[in-house]
Amino acid sequence: MIHTSRPARRVLISGASIAGPALAHWLDRYGFEVTVVEKAAAVRGGGYAIDIRGTAREAVDRMGLLPRLSKAHVDSRRITFVGAAGETVGTLQPEQLTGGEAGLDLEVRRGDLADALYTPLRDRVEFLFNDSIATLDDTGDAVHVVFDSGIRRTFDLVVGADGLHSNTRRLVFGPEEPFHLYLGYVFAGFTLPNEFGLAHEAAIWNDPGRSAVLYAHEPSDRVHGFLTFTRDTPPLDAFRDPRAQRDLVAARFPEQVWHVPRLVEGMREADDLFFDVVSQIHMRTWSHGRVVLAGDAAHATSFISGQGSSVALVGAYVLAGELATHADHTEAFAAYERRIRPFAERNQALATSGGPAVTPATREDLEARNALLRDPEAAAGALVTESALEGRAAHSAMELPDYPRAA
């Protein structure tokens, strides 16, 4: 049963992207006193589209967000693959590659999902923007927090939902390196003018170990660009230097074919460049004392899997439900991890089993993929069997628990 007779526990959530507001939604409905701290000035809008599939679709349905998100669905219709010389190799429907189910899965802009989560909460939950956790002192019966702003507060529980490079995880569990699994890819994402006539589609140019992508949600004057390449070691020296990031990426894409030069130019001019490595987080435990991790902070799946937001939505639902049904937070954290870890690990495996179809690492992998794409029947059979069906099973590998109804 839900423990509604005791005073609401005070919970601090670090991070206002996806996992944080989703968790705040459920905790608020269960009667907890929730504060969300976010280093950015506001909930981030815009952004590339993300998928909500399988079990996660049921989670947003239980939140009452399905009608709003269905209206925000962007409906990508095809992916065109382009060879090294700029020739069209073949096309696929997105579901053939991702394992999504047309008519059931949702594809929405990241900002639309973030706003759908935030808007109903902004008058019910305390949000502290332009701030972050500076120190945590878990005394066993409470967590004393000092924020970067100098504010001092005390909470019963703290949740780190602050992403792949989680500050909360660093403060409680130590440096990121022992938990960080680098998958061998570096990427730059940005927007540029849509001079290409693209709508509801993506176009992907490939050379071994490299991909240049244009992706348009709908008819618009802006389009998303991605430049991705393999690298043996992560470029740690570039993370704090935007100019070094641009130089590193540009050096890997010298070709004067297809739209590659325009993508490089757009990357250099972009004021919204997002540079990072493709990686995952693997931890033996997600909690320590009164602090627990959620979303990418605990189990980043990487964008190759396409499941980071979906797993975060499911995890938020379960963590809140377990906290609401266990008086002891340690029991709640253990139950949350028992339920979510197998689901998270199965979805992490989507990024590490076999070579990614979008950026084949070797010439042999690229030629094999292109041979399939040139034969539509073979592509439909092989790619759906080996990749999409595996993904579809992982997306729905968990059944949501039926916790007692929240308020």
Protein backbone atom coordinates (compact mmCIF):
# COMPACT_ATOMS: atom_id res chain seq x y z
CA MET A 1 0.00 0.00 0.00
CA ILE A 2 1.04 3.62 -0.46
CA HIS A 3 2.18 5.22 2.78
CA THR A 4 0.06 8.38 2.76
CA SER A 5 -0.22 8.72 6.56
CA ARG A 6 3.38 9.79 7.17
CA PRO A 7 4.60 13.33 6.38
CA ALA A 8 5.62 13.78 2.77
CA ARG A 9 9.30 13.09 2.34
CA ARG A 10 11.43 15.91 0.95
CA VAL A 11 13.14 14.84 -2.25
CA LEU A 12 15.72 16.78 -4.25
CA ILE A 13 16.06 15.80 -7.93
CA SER A 14 19.11 17.03 -9.81
CA GLY A 15 18.32 17.42 -13.50
CA ALA A 16 15.29 18.74 -15.43
CA SER A 17 15.65 16.94 -18.75
CA ILE A 18 13.56 13.73 -19.02
CA ALA A 19 14.15 11.43 -16.04
CA GLY A 20 14.00 14.26 -13.49
CA PRO A 21 10.62 15.78 -14.41
CA ALA A 22 9.12 12.32 -15.02
CA LEU A 23 10.13 11.28 -11.52
CA ALA A 24 8.89 14.59 -10.09
CA HIS A 25 5.52 13.97 -11.75
CA TRP A 26 5.03 10.66 -9.99
CA LEU A 27 6.47 11.71 -6.63
CA ASP A 28 4.22 14.77 -6.58
CA ARG A 29 1.20 12.59 -7.28
CA TYR A 30 2.22 10.33 -4.38
CA GLY A 31 2.40 13.30 -2.00
CA PHE A 32 6.15 13.87 -1.76
CA GLU A 33 7.61 17.36 -1.43
CA VAL A 34 9.77 17.71 -4.53
CA THR A 35 12.47 20.18 -5.51
CA VAL A 36 14.18 19.99 -8.92
CA VAL A 37 17.51 21.75 -9.45
CA GLU A 38 18.75 22.40 -12.99
CA LYS A 39 21.98 24.10 -14.05
CA ALA A 40 20.40 25.50 -17.23
CA ALA A 41 18.30 28.66 -17.19
CA ALA A 42 15.11 26.83 -18.22
CA VAL A 43 13.83 23.51 -19.48
CA ARG A 44 15.57 23.05 -22.79
CA GLY A 45 13.36 23.32 -25.85
CA GLY A 46 13.82 22.17 -29.44
CA GLY A 47 16.29 19.42 -30.10
CA TYR A 48 16.30 16.32 -32.23
CA ALA A 49 13.45 13.84 -32.15
CA ILE A 50 13.45 10.94 -29.71
CA ASP A 51 11.39 7.77 -29.69
CA ILE A 52 9.00 6.56 -27.00
CA ARG A 53 8.53 2.85 -27.56
CA GLY A 54 7.19 -0.28 -25.97
CA THR A 55 6.97 -0.12 -22.18
CA ALA A 56 7.71 3.61 -22.18
CA ARG A 57 4.57 4.30 -24.21
CA GLU A 58 2.54 2.71 -21.44
CA ALA A 59 4.39 4.86 -18.89
CA VAL A 60 3.47 8.13 -20.61
CA ASP A 61 -0.08 6.86 -21.06
CA ARG A 62 -0.35 6.34 -17.30
CA MET A 63 0.94 9.89 -16.85
CA GLY A 64 -1.94 11.17 -18.97
CA LEU A 65 0.45 12.60 -21.58
CA LEU A 66 -0.38 10.33 -24.50
CA PRO A 67 -2.89 12.69 -26.20
CA ARG A 68 -0.47 15.64 -26.04
CA LEU A 69 2.52 13.63 -27.23
CA SER A 70 0.48 12.01 -30.00
CA LYS A 71 -0.26 15.50 -31.35
CA ALA A 72 3.48 16.28 -31.20
CA HIS A 73 4.40 13.11 -33.15
CA VAL A 74 6.76 14.09 -36.00
CA ASP A 75 6.27 11.01 -38.21
CA SER A 76 9.61 10.27 -39.85
CA ARG A 77 8.86 8.34 -43.04
CA ARG A 78 12.11 7.28 -44.64
CA ILE A 79 15.87 7.02 -44.28
CA THR A 80 17.97 7.41 -47.43
CA PHE A 81 21.50 5.97 -47.38
CA VAL A 82 24.15 7.67 -49.50
CA GLY A 83 27.43 6.13 -50.66
CA ALA A 84 30.92 7.59 -50.37
CA ALA A 85 30.70 9.20 -53.82
CA GLY A 86 27.31 10.75 -53.09
CA GLU A 87 25.18 8.14 -54.85
CA THR A 88 21.92 6.88 -53.36
CA VAL A 89 22.38 3.33 -52.08
CA GLY A 90 18.88 2.57 -50.83
CA THR A 91 16.04 3.61 -48.55
CA LEU A 92 14.33 2.13 -45.51
CA GLN A 93 11.39 2.98 -43.33
CA PRO A 94 12.69 3.99 -39.88
CA GLU A 95 10.90 1.06 -38.21
CA GLN A 96 12.89 -1.41 -40.32
CA LEU A 97 16.05 -0.19 -38.66
CA THR A 98 14.97 0.73 -35.14
CA GLY A 99 12.49 -1.98 -34.29
CA GLY A 100 9.77 0.59 -33.75
CA GLU A 101 6.16 -0.20 -34.52
CA ALA A 102 4.45 2.18 -36.95
CA GLY A 103 1.21 3.57 -35.54
CA LEU A 104 2.16 2.65 -31.96
CA ASP A 105 5.50 4.26 -31.17
CA LEU A 106 5.85 7.99 -30.67
CA GLU A 107 8.58 10.17 -32.15
CA VAL A 108 8.66 13.65 -30.63
CA ARG A 109 11.15 16.46 -30.33
CA ARG A 110 13.11 16.23 -27.13
CA GLY A 111 11.93 19.72 -26.21
CA ASP A 112 8.27 18.79 -26.73
CA LEU A 113 8.64 15.86 -24.34
CA ALA A 114 10.49 17.99 -21.78
CA ASP A 115 7.81 20.67 -21.98
CA ALA A 116 5.00 18.14 -21.67
CA LEU A 117 6.61 16.85 -18.48
CA TYR A 118 7.42 20.28 -17.05
CA THR A 119 4.31 22.34 -17.77
CA PRO A 120 1.89 20.47 -15.44
CA LEU A 121 4.52 20.56 -12.67
CA ARG A 122 5.71 24.14 -12.69
CA ASP A 123 3.06 25.33 -10.23
CA ARG A 124 3.20 22.20 -8.06
CA VAL A 125 6.91 21.43 -7.78
CA GLU A 126 9.78 23.75 -6.84
CA PHE A 127 12.24 24.28 -9.69
CA LEU A 128 15.62 25.90 -9.04
CA PHE A 129 17.10 26.92 -12.40
CA ASN A 130 20.60 28.31 -12.96
CA ASP A 131 21.86 26.28 -10.02
CA SER A 132 23.51 22.98 -9.20
CA ILE A 133 24.57 20.86 -6.24
CA ALA A 134 27.97 21.91 -4.87
CA THR A 135 28.21 19.51 -1.91
CA LEU A 136 26.22 16.66 -0.38
CA ASP A 137 26.47 15.53 3.24
CA ASP A 138 24.50 12.34 3.89
CA THR A 139 24.35 12.02 7.68
CA GLY A 140 22.25 8.86 7.65
CA ASP A 141 19.01 10.53 8.68
CA ALA A 142 19.02 13.34 6.08
CA VAL A 143 21.07 14.84 3.25
CA HIS A 144 22.41 18.37 3.74
CA VAL A 145 22.95 20.13 0.44
CA VAL A 146 24.86 23.26 -0.47
CA PHE A 147 24.09 24.63 -3.91
CA ASP A 148 26.44 26.58 -6.17
CA SER A 149 24.30 29.65 -5.44
CA GLY A 150 25.14 29.33 -1.73
CA ILE A 151 21.67 28.16 -0.73
CA ARG A 152 21.71 25.48 2.00
CA ARG A 153 18.86 22.99 2.27
CA THR A 154 18.14 19.63 3.90
CA PHE A 155 16.33 16.77 2.16
CA ASP A 156 15.34 13.24 3.06
CA LEU A 157 16.44 11.84 -0.30
CA VAL A 158 18.45 13.05 -3.30
CA VAL A 159 18.08 11.69 -6.84
CA GLY A 160 20.74 12.25 -9.47
CA ALA A 161 18.92 12.49 -12.80
CA ASP A 162 21.55 14.72 -14.34
CA GLY A 163 22.66 12.71 -17.33
CA LEU A 164 25.62 10.83 -18.68
CA HIS A 165 28.17 13.15 -17.04
CA SER A 166 26.25 13.32 -13.76
CA ASN A 167 27.48 15.77 -11.15
CA THR A 168 25.52 13.91 -8.44
CA ARG A 169 27.19 10.63 -9.35
CA ARG A 170 30.60 12.27 -9.17
CA LEU A 171 29.90 13.73 -5.73
CA VAL A 172 28.64 10.45 -4.26
CA PHE A 173 30.33 7.66 -6.22
CA GLY A 174 33.51 9.36 -7.42
CA PRO A 175 34.94 10.14 -10.88
CA GLU A 176 33.07 9.02 -13.99
CA GLU A 177 35.86 6.97 -15.56
CA PRO A 178 35.25 3.63 -13.75
CA PHE A 179 31.60 3.65 -14.86
CA HIS A 180 32.07 5.02 -18.37
CA LEU A 181 32.09 2.54 -21.27
CA TYR A 182 33.31 4.34 -24.39
CA LEU A 183 31.80 2.74 -27.52
CA GLY A 184 34.37 4.13 -29.94
CA TYR A 185 32.38 6.95 -31.57
CA VAL A 186 32.54 10.75 -31.36
CA PHE A 187 29.72 12.94 -32.63
CA ALA A 188 28.75 16.54 -33.20
CA GLY A 189 25.10 17.56 -33.43
CA PHE A 190 23.84 20.98 -34.55
CA THR A 191 21.23 22.71 -36.69
CA LEU A 192 21.72 24.45 -40.01
CA PRO A 193 19.49 25.99 -42.70
CA ASN A 194 17.34 23.45 -44.50
CA GLU A 195 18.62 24.07 -48.03
CA PHE A 196 18.05 20.45 -48.99
CA GLY A 197 14.28 20.14 -49.33
CA LEU A 198 14.07 17.52 -46.58
CA ALA A 199 10.91 16.81 -44.55
CA HIS A 200 9.91 13.83 -42.38
CA GLU A 201 13.13 12.04 -43.32
CA ALA A 202 16.82 11.50 -42.80
CA ALA A 203 19.66 11.17 -45.28
CA ILE A 204 22.88 9.42 -44.23
CA TRP A 205 26.23 9.56 -46.05
CA ASN A 206 28.76 6.90 -45.09
CA ASP A 207 32.39 6.05 -45.41
CA PRO A 208 33.93 3.38 -43.14
CA GLY A 209 33.75 4.61 -39.57
CA ARG A 210 32.10 7.90 -40.50
CA SER A 211 28.60 9.21 -41.13
CA ALA A 212 27.19 12.60 -42.10
CA VAL A 213 23.47 12.90 -41.39
CA LEU A 214 20.75 15.37 -42.29
CA TYR A 215 17.49 14.90 -40.41
CA ALA A 216 14.29 16.93 -40.82
CA HIS A 217 11.30 16.40 -38.54
CA GLU A 218 8.89 18.23 -40.84
CA PRO A 219 8.92 21.00 -43.45
CA SER A 220 11.02 23.71 -41.79
CA ASP A 221 13.74 26.24 -42.50
CA ARG A 222 16.06 24.37 -40.11
CA VAL A 223 17.44 20.84 -40.27
CA HIS A 224 19.50 18.77 -37.82
CA GLY A 225 23.01 17.79 -38.78
CA PHE A 226 25.14 15.06 -37.24
CA LEU A 227 28.77 14.23 -37.95
CA THR A 228 29.91 10.96 -36.34
CA PHE A 229 33.20 9.10 -36.56
CA THR A 230 35.11 6.30 -34.89
CA ARG A 231 38.10 7.05 -32.68
CA ASP A 232 40.16 4.65 -30.60
CA THR A 233 40.21 6.88 -27.53
CA PRO A 234 37.84 9.64 -26.42
CA PRO A 235 39.11 13.16 -27.22
CA LEU A 236 39.27 14.29 -23.62
CA ASP A 237 41.37 17.34 -24.43
CA ALA A 238 38.61 18.76 -26.67
CA PHE A 239 35.70 18.63 -24.23
CA ARG A 240 36.31 22.10 -22.78
CA ASP A 241 37.39 23.74 -26.04
CA PRO A 242 34.66 24.35 -28.66
CA ARG A 243 37.21 25.44 -31.25
CA ALA A 244 39.17 22.21 -30.78
CA GLN A 245 35.94 20.25 -31.14
CA ARG A 246 35.13 21.92 -34.45
CA ASP A 247 38.67 21.43 -35.74
CA LEU A 248 38.67 17.75 -34.72
CA VAL A 249 35.38 17.05 -36.48
CA ALA A 250 36.21 19.04 -39.62
CA ALA A 251 39.52 17.21 -40.04
CA ARG A 252 37.64 13.90 -40.26
CA PHE A 253 35.33 15.12 -43.04
CA PRO A 254 37.49 16.63 -45.81
CA GLU A 255 35.39 15.20 -48.68
CA GLN A 256 33.91 17.52 -51.29
CA VAL A 257 31.00 15.23 -52.05
CA TRP A 258 27.26 15.19 -51.37
CA HIS A 259 26.37 17.72 -48.62
CA VAL A 260 29.44 16.97 -46.51
CA PRO A 261 31.08 20.40 -47.06
CA ARG A 262 27.84 22.18 -46.14
CA LEU A 263 27.50 20.08 -42.99
CA VAL A 264 31.06 20.94 -41.94
CA GLU A 265 30.40 24.62 -42.63
CA GLY A 266 27.14 24.43 -40.67
CA MET A 267 28.92 22.76 -37.77
CA ARG A 268 31.52 25.54 -37.66
CA GLU A 269 28.83 28.25 -37.72
CA ALA A 270 26.38 26.63 -35.31
CA ASP A 271 25.57 28.29 -32.00
CA ASP A 272 23.96 25.09 -30.69
CA LEU A 273 26.81 22.61 -31.21
CA PHE A 274 26.54 19.51 -29.03
CA PHE A 275 29.79 17.55 -28.97
CA ASP A 276 30.21 14.30 -27.07
CA VAL A 277 31.25 10.67 -27.26
CA VAL A 278 28.97 7.68 -27.71
CA SER A 279 29.17 5.84 -24.44
CA GLN A 280 27.27 4.10 -21.69
CA ILE A 281 27.24 4.05 -17.90
CA HIS A 282 27.59 0.71 -16.10
CA MET A 283 27.46 0.60 -12.30
CA ARG A 284 27.25 -2.22 -9.77
CA THR A 285 24.73 -0.27 -7.71
CA TRP A 286 22.70 2.88 -8.33
CA SER A 287 22.28 4.01 -4.73
CA HIS A 288 24.38 4.91 -1.73
CA GLY A 289 22.73 5.83 1.53
CA ARG A 290 19.98 8.34 0.84
CA VAL A 291 21.15 9.13 -2.72
CA VAL A 292 20.00 7.24 -5.81
CA LEU A 293 20.62 7.66 -9.54
CA ALA A 294 18.06 7.60 -12.34
CA GLY A 295 18.06 7.81 -16.13
CA ASP A 296 21.36 8.24 -17.96
CA ALA A 297 23.17 8.99 -14.69
CA ALA A 298 22.57 5.37 -13.68
CA HIS A 299 22.41 3.46 -16.96
CA ALA A 300 23.00 5.56 -20.07
CA THR A 301 22.23 3.35 -23.07
CA SER A 302 23.84 5.70 -25.68
CA PHE A 303 22.00 7.23 -28.60
CA ILE A 304 22.97 4.25 -30.78
CA SER A 305 20.37 2.27 -28.85
CA GLY A 306 17.75 5.00 -29.27
CA GLN A 307 16.36 4.01 -25.86
CA GLY A 308 17.78 6.46 -23.34
CA SER A 309 14.59 8.47 -22.89
CA SER A 310 12.33 5.43 -22.95
CA VAL A 311 14.30 3.62 -20.24
CA ALA A 312 14.41 6.85 -18.20
CA LEU A 313 10.61 7.20 -18.36
CA VAL A 314 10.11 3.62 -17.21
CA GLY A 315 12.71 3.95 -14.46
CA ALA A 316 11.11 7.14 -13.12
CA TYR A 317 7.73 5.42 -12.89
CA VAL A 318 9.21 2.46 -10.99
CA LEU A 319 11.43 4.48 -8.65
CA ALA A 320 8.51 6.67 -7.58
CA GLY A 321 6.22 3.68 -7.18
CA GLU A 322 8.71 1.83 -5.00
CA LEU A 323 9.34 4.90 -2.83
CA ALA A 324 5.58 5.28 -2.40
CA THR A 325 5.09 1.65 -1.35
CA HIS A 326 8.11 1.22 0.94
CA ALA A 327 8.53 3.15 4.17
CA ASP A 328 12.27 2.32 4.11
CA HIS A 329 14.09 4.06 1.27
CA THR A 330 16.78 1.36 1.18
CA GLU A 331 14.11 -1.25 0.42
CA ALA A 332 12.62 1.04 -2.20
CA PHE A 333 15.99 1.60 -3.90
CA ALA A 334 16.70 -2.14 -3.93
CA ALA A 335 13.28 -2.96 -5.41
CA TYR A 336 13.70 -0.24 -8.06
CA GLU A 337 17.05 -1.62 -9.11
CA ARG A 338 15.81 -5.24 -9.21
CA ARG A 339 13.03 -4.24 -11.58
CA ILE A 340 14.86 -1.79 -13.83
CA ARG A 341 18.38 -3.20 -14.13
CA PRO A 342 17.47 -6.14 -16.43
CA PHE A 343 15.42 -3.82 -18.65
CA ALA A 344 18.18 -1.21 -18.80
CA GLU A 345 20.88 -3.78 -19.55
CA ARG A 346 18.87 -5.39 -22.33
CA ASN A 347 18.43 -1.99 -23.97
CA GLN A 348 22.09 -1.14 -23.46
CA ALA A 349 22.91 -4.31 -25.39
CA LEU A 350 21.20 -2.87 -28.48
CA ALA A 351 24.18 -0.54 -28.89
CA THR A 352 26.88 -3.16 -28.41
CA SER A 353 25.57 -6.22 -30.28
CA GLY A 354 26.88 -6.13 -33.83
CA GLY A 355 28.05 -3.14 -35.87
CA PRO A 356 25.79 -0.08 -35.94
CA ALA A 357 23.88 0.10 -39.21
CA VAL A 358 24.10 3.90 -39.29
CA THR A 359 27.92 4.09 -38.96
CA PRO A 360 29.54 0.78 -39.96
CA ALA A 361 33.07 0.81 -38.58
CA THR A 362 34.83 -1.20 -41.31
CA ARG A 363 34.70 -1.32 -45.09
CA GLU A 364 33.52 -4.93 -44.92
CA ASP A 365 30.60 -3.97 -42.65
CA LEU A 366 29.71 -1.01 -44.85
CA GLU A 367 29.81 -3.04 -48.07
CA ALA A 368 27.69 -5.78 -46.52
CA ARG A 369 25.09 -3.27 -45.36
CA ASN A 370 25.02 -1.50 -48.74
CA ALA A 371 24.62 -4.80 -50.57
CA LEU A 372 21.51 -5.43 -48.50
CA LEU A 373 20.17 -1.95 -49.12
CA ARG A 374 20.50 -2.38 -52.88
CA ASP A 375 18.19 -5.39 -52.65
CA PRO A 376 15.02 -4.12 -50.92
CA GLU A 377 13.67 -7.59 -50.20
CA ALA A 378 16.96 -8.73 -48.70
CA ALA A 379 17.26 -5.51 -46.68
CA ALA A 380 13.77 -5.87 -45.29
CA GLY A 381 14.43 -9.44 -44.27
CA ALA A 382 17.99 -9.21 -42.92
CA LEU A 383 17.89 -5.85 -41.18
CA VAL A 384 14.48 -6.40 -39.64
CA THR A 385 15.45 -9.85 -38.42
CA GLU A 386 18.87 -8.97 -37.03
CA SER A 387 18.31 -5.47 -35.71
CA ALA A 388 14.73 -4.35 -35.60
CA LEU A 389 13.22 -7.47 -34.09
CA GLU A 390 15.91 -7.55 -31.43
CA GLY A 391 15.13 -3.92 -30.67
CA ARG A 392 11.40 -4.48 -30.58
CA ALA A 393 11.80 -7.22 -28.00
CA ALA A 394 14.04 -5.05 -25.83
CA HIS A 395 11.69 -2.05 -26.03
CA SER A 396 8.88 -4.11 -24.47
CA ALA A 397 10.99 -6.41 -22.29
CA MET A 398 9.39 -5.20 -19.09
CA GLU A 399 5.80 -5.04 -17.92
CA LEU A 400 4.98 -2.03 -15.80
CA PRO A 401 4.06 -2.87 -12.19
CA ASP A 402 0.59 -1.82 -11.10
CA TYR A 403 1.26 0.37 -8.09
CA PRO A 404 -1.71 1.61 -6.07
CA ARG A 405 -3.31 4.64 -7.65
CA ALA A 406 -1.58 7.93 -6.93
CA ALA A 407 -3.49 11.02 -5.88
